[in-house]
Protein backbone atom coordinates (compact mmCIF):
# COMPACT_ATOMS: atom_id res chain seq x y z
CA UNK A 1 181.87 73.40 105.34
CA UNK A 2 178.28 74.02 104.51
CA UNK A 3 176.78 77.21 105.87
CA UNK A 4 173.45 77.00 107.53
CA UNK A 5 171.19 79.71 106.28
CA UNK A 6 167.70 80.11 107.41
CA UNK A 7 165.54 78.98 104.60
CA UNK A 8 162.57 81.10 103.71
CA UNK A 9 159.27 79.30 103.79
CA UNK A 10 157.11 81.39 101.55
CA UNK A 11 154.42 78.72 101.50
CA UNK A 12 153.96 78.80 105.27
CA UNK A 13 153.57 82.61 105.20
CA UNK A 14 150.97 82.38 102.47
CA UNK A 15 149.18 79.64 104.40
CA UNK A 16 148.98 81.78 107.55
CA UNK A 17 147.74 84.75 105.53
CA UNK A 18 145.16 82.52 103.82
CA UNK A 19 143.89 81.23 107.20
CA UNK A 20 143.50 84.78 108.51
CA UNK A 21 141.64 85.77 105.33
CA UNK A 22 139.27 82.80 105.62
CA UNK A 23 138.65 83.68 109.28
CA UNK A 24 137.83 87.30 108.34
CA UNK A 25 135.42 86.23 105.58
CA UNK A 26 133.58 83.73 107.79
CA UNK A 27 133.40 86.26 110.64
CA UNK A 28 131.81 88.81 108.30
CA UNK A 29 129.31 86.23 107.02
CA UNK A 30 128.38 85.28 110.59
CA UNK A 31 127.82 88.92 111.56
CA UNK A 32 125.60 89.50 108.52
CA UNK A 33 123.55 86.34 109.13
CA UNK A 34 123.18 87.19 112.80
CA UNK A 35 122.04 90.74 112.00
CA UNK A 36 119.41 89.40 109.58
CA UNK A 37 118.15 86.88 112.16
CA UNK A 38 118.00 89.59 114.84
CA UNK A 39 116.07 91.95 112.54
CA UNK A 40 113.59 89.18 111.74
CA UNK A 41 113.08 88.43 115.44
CA UNK A 42 112.55 92.12 116.24
CA UNK A 43 110.04 92.51 113.38
CA UNK A 44 108.07 89.45 114.52
CA UNK A 45 108.07 90.73 118.09
CA UNK A 46 106.81 94.16 116.98
CA UNK A 47 103.98 92.55 114.96
CA UNK A 48 103.06 90.31 117.88
CA UNK A 49 103.09 93.22 120.32
CA UNK A 50 100.88 95.37 118.06
CA UNK A 51 98.40 92.50 117.73
CA UNK A 52 98.19 92.33 121.54
CA UNK A 53 98.53 95.98 122.52
CA UNK A 54 95.75 97.49 120.38
CA UNK A 55 92.91 95.21 121.59
CA UNK A 56 94.10 95.35 125.21
CA UNK A 57 94.38 99.13 125.10
CA UNK A 58 90.90 99.49 123.62
CA UNK A 59 89.38 97.11 126.20
CA UNK A 60 91.01 98.86 129.15
CA UNK A 61 89.96 102.35 127.98
CA UNK A 62 86.34 101.30 127.43
CA UNK A 63 86.09 99.35 130.68
CA UNK A 64 87.56 102.24 132.65
CA UNK A 65 84.82 104.61 131.40
CA UNK A 66 81.93 102.16 131.08
CA UNK A 67 78.94 104.21 132.17
CA UNK A 68 75.52 104.77 130.67
CA UNK A 69 75.67 106.74 127.39
CA UNK A 70 79.44 107.32 127.62
CA UNK A 71 80.64 104.99 124.81
CA UNK A 72 79.78 106.07 121.24
CA UNK A 73 81.04 105.43 117.74
CA UNK A 74 81.20 108.51 115.56
CA UNK A 75 82.65 109.80 112.31
CA UNK A 76 84.74 112.94 112.81
CA UNK A 77 87.05 114.59 110.27
CA UNK A 78 86.67 111.56 108.00
CA UNK A 79 87.83 109.15 110.72
CA UNK A 80 85.79 106.50 112.56
CA UNK A 81 86.41 106.87 116.28
CA UNK A 82 85.35 105.12 119.46
CA UNK A 83 84.40 108.12 121.59
CA UNK A 84 84.15 108.19 125.37
CA UNK A 85 82.26 111.24 126.70
CA UNK A 86 82.76 112.17 130.35
CA UNK A 87 82.09 115.09 132.66
CA UNK A 88 84.79 116.03 135.18
CA UNK A 89 84.15 118.90 137.61
CA UNK A 90 81.30 120.15 135.45
CA UNK A 91 83.40 120.21 132.25
CA UNK A 92 82.64 117.86 129.34
CA UNK A 93 85.60 115.95 127.88
CA UNK A 94 85.97 113.41 125.08
CA UNK A 95 88.49 110.66 124.49
CA UNK A 96 88.60 109.45 120.90
CA UNK A 97 90.35 106.23 119.90
CA UNK A 98 90.91 105.95 116.15
CA UNK A 99 93.29 104.82 113.40
CA UNK A 100 95.10 107.37 111.27
CA UNK A 101 98.14 106.99 109.00
CA UNK A 102 98.82 103.39 110.09
CA UNK A 103 98.71 104.10 113.84
CA UNK A 104 96.16 103.78 116.62
CA UNK A 105 95.71 107.17 118.28
CA UNK A 106 94.11 108.59 121.40
CA UNK A 107 92.75 112.12 121.44
CA UNK A 108 91.71 113.65 124.77
CA UNK A 109 90.29 117.17 124.88
CA UNK A 110 87.40 119.35 125.85
CA UNK A 111 84.18 118.62 124.01
CA UNK A 112 84.28 121.94 122.13
CA UNK A 113 87.84 121.49 120.83
CA UNK A 114 88.30 120.95 117.11
CA UNK A 115 89.28 117.34 116.35
CA UNK A 116 92.52 117.09 114.35
CA UNK A 117 93.44 113.40 113.84
CA UNK A 118 97.16 114.02 113.28
CA UNK A 119 97.50 115.71 116.67
CA UNK A 120 96.46 112.70 118.75
CA UNK A 121 98.86 110.63 120.81
CA UNK A 122 100.00 107.47 119.02
CA UNK A 123 99.54 104.17 120.86
CA UNK A 124 100.73 101.46 118.47
CA UNK A 125 100.62 100.35 114.84
CA UNK A 126 97.12 99.81 113.47
CA UNK A 127 96.05 99.92 109.83
CA UNK A 128 92.30 100.32 110.27
CA UNK A 129 89.41 100.50 112.70
CA UNK A 130 85.71 99.75 112.23
CA UNK A 131 83.32 99.94 115.16
CA UNK A 132 79.67 99.84 116.09
CA UNK A 133 77.72 100.04 119.31
CA UNK A 134 75.09 97.34 119.70
CA UNK A 135 72.77 96.94 122.69
CA UNK A 136 75.13 96.16 125.58
CA UNK A 137 78.12 95.57 123.27
CA UNK A 138 80.87 97.54 121.57
CA UNK A 139 82.04 95.62 118.52
CA UNK A 140 85.36 96.77 117.02
CA UNK A 141 87.39 95.38 114.12
CA UNK A 142 91.07 96.31 114.06
CA UNK A 143 93.33 95.77 111.07
CA UNK A 144 96.68 94.64 112.45
CA UNK A 145 99.49 93.17 110.34
CA UNK A 146 97.22 92.98 107.27
CA UNK A 147 94.63 90.90 109.17
CA UNK A 148 91.34 91.97 110.72
CA UNK A 149 90.90 91.18 114.41
CA UNK A 150 87.51 91.27 116.15
CA UNK A 151 87.25 92.82 119.62
CA UNK A 152 83.88 92.61 121.39
CA UNK A 153 83.53 94.48 124.67
CA UNK A 154 80.48 94.02 126.85
CA UNK A 155 79.13 97.34 128.07
CA UNK A 156 78.27 96.56 131.64
CA UNK A 157 76.45 99.82 132.28
CA UNK A 158 74.08 99.14 129.38
CA UNK A 159 72.46 101.77 127.23
């Protein structure tokens, strides 16, 4: 009589192992492609936000303090700054908005304080700022994402 012995199917074991290996490789590839796509989306969003935040921030700051002889453009410590001069409770204060080291900064202090650009509060990414005050208009150029953007703000209080 013939004995029944379980036959070993080495090919089926190799096939299962091969399928698991292929699954692992494709899973890794999908994770890497997804991570690259996510990073690209985040970078585009950051660029888009910087291009919107800097002009909106500048407009809101100037419009909030738009009074006669409050808005100036000055050169301090080698940096061009949009300066807003105000008096609160008899004390003179300045707010300077400027670009330094690839960021848009705000500096708020007493008028006598020494201006140190690196000690301002960062707002968003900005590579450069050029500004001038014209009659009834503040004209600012911001360099964002390697492109210059023009921001013109009407000074309602006049000069």
